[in-house]
Protein backbone atom coordinates (compact mmCIF):
# COMPACT_ATOMS: atom_id res chain seq x y z
CA MET A 1 76.35 112.95 122.00
CA ARG A 2 73.35 111.06 120.87
CA GLY A 3 70.96 108.99 122.84
CA THR A 4 68.30 106.28 122.39
CA LEU A 5 65.68 105.29 125.24
CA ASP A 6 65.34 101.44 125.68
CA GLU A 7 61.91 101.63 126.53
CA ASN A 8 61.71 98.01 127.69
CA GLY A 9 64.75 98.08 129.89
CA GLN A 10 64.01 101.59 131.17
CA ARG A 11 67.58 102.57 130.23
CA TRP A 12 69.32 105.26 127.95
CA LEU A 13 71.99 104.14 125.38
CA LEU A 14 74.33 107.15 124.60
CA HIS A 15 77.03 107.35 122.03
CA ASN A 16 79.56 109.61 120.52
CA LEU A 17 82.39 109.25 117.96
CA ILE A 18 85.60 110.62 118.86
CA ALA A 19 88.39 111.45 116.31
CA SER A 20 91.91 112.18 117.05
CA LEU A 21 92.44 113.93 113.65
CA PRO A 22 94.35 114.05 111.56
CA LEU A 23 95.57 110.58 112.68
CA CYS A 24 93.67 107.50 113.39
CA PRO A 25 92.37 105.80 115.46
CA PHE A 26 88.65 106.67 116.09
CA TYR A 27 86.95 105.76 119.31
CA GLN A 28 83.21 105.10 119.51
CA MET A 29 82.34 106.02 123.14
CA ILE A 30 79.03 104.09 124.45
CA ALA A 31 77.36 104.48 127.83
CA VAL A 32 74.10 102.74 129.27
CA SER A 33 72.52 104.15 132.15
CA GLN A 34 71.30 101.77 134.79
CA THR A 35 67.86 103.39 135.04
CA SER A 36 65.55 105.74 132.88
CA ILE A 37 67.26 108.72 134.78
CA LEU A 38 70.73 109.58 133.28
CA GLN A 39 72.86 108.66 136.25
CA ALA A 40 75.19 105.80 137.22
CA LEU A 41 76.40 105.05 133.56
CA VAL A 42 78.16 101.82 132.52
CA SER A 43 80.52 103.02 129.65
CA LEU A 44 83.13 101.65 127.26
CA SER A 45 85.10 102.79 124.27
CA VAL A 46 85.60 100.93 121.11
CA ARG A 47 88.79 101.59 119.17
CA ILE A 48 88.08 101.70 115.41
CA GLN A 49 91.12 101.90 113.05
CA HIS A 50 89.26 103.36 110.09
CA MET A 51 86.48 105.99 110.01
CA PRO A 52 82.96 104.27 110.70
CA ASP A 53 80.35 105.15 108.14
CA TYR A 54 76.85 105.28 109.16
CA PRO A 55 77.05 103.64 112.67
CA LYS A 56 73.68 102.06 113.68
CA PHE A 57 72.74 100.94 117.24
CA GLY A 58 70.23 98.02 118.00
CA ILE A 59 68.52 97.19 121.18
CA TRP A 60 67.60 93.56 121.68
CA THR A 61 66.73 91.57 124.80
CA ASP A 62 70.01 90.24 125.27
CA GLY A 63 72.21 93.31 124.59
CA TYR A 64 73.01 96.59 122.70
CA TYR A 65 74.64 96.19 119.29
CA MET A 66 76.47 98.54 117.04
CA SER A 67 77.48 97.97 113.40
CA ALA A 68 79.11 100.32 110.90
CA ASN A 69 80.50 100.18 107.26
CA VAL A 70 84.24 100.67 107.79
CA SER A 71 85.99 102.86 105.18
CA GLY A 72 84.35 101.46 102.24
CA ARG A 73 85.43 97.79 102.84
CA LYS A 74 83.12 94.81 102.52
CA ARG A 75 83.30 93.85 106.05
CA MET A 76 81.55 95.02 109.18
CA GLU A 77 82.85 95.73 112.81
CA GLU A 78 80.26 94.55 115.37
CA THR A 79 80.50 95.21 119.13
CA CYS A 80 77.90 94.05 121.72
CA LEU A 81 77.48 95.70 125.14
CA ARG A 82 75.80 93.41 127.58
CA LEU A 83 74.36 94.34 130.82
């Protein structure tokens, strides 16, 4: 599990990739704390058909964003988690 502190929002963004190997799909688990203390988490899982490569998370004023390269394809899958 990895985490990033949103210093402006005083919240933690936690994320972890779950793989059900040897078969697909993959799930990106995402949780956001409601305070700077890790409790009262809002969470969701994003189903991804192909293994995400180099997932990146961005913290903006209107939400938390995730993007990743997917299996060498020239497309991006993007998810926004808004609180």
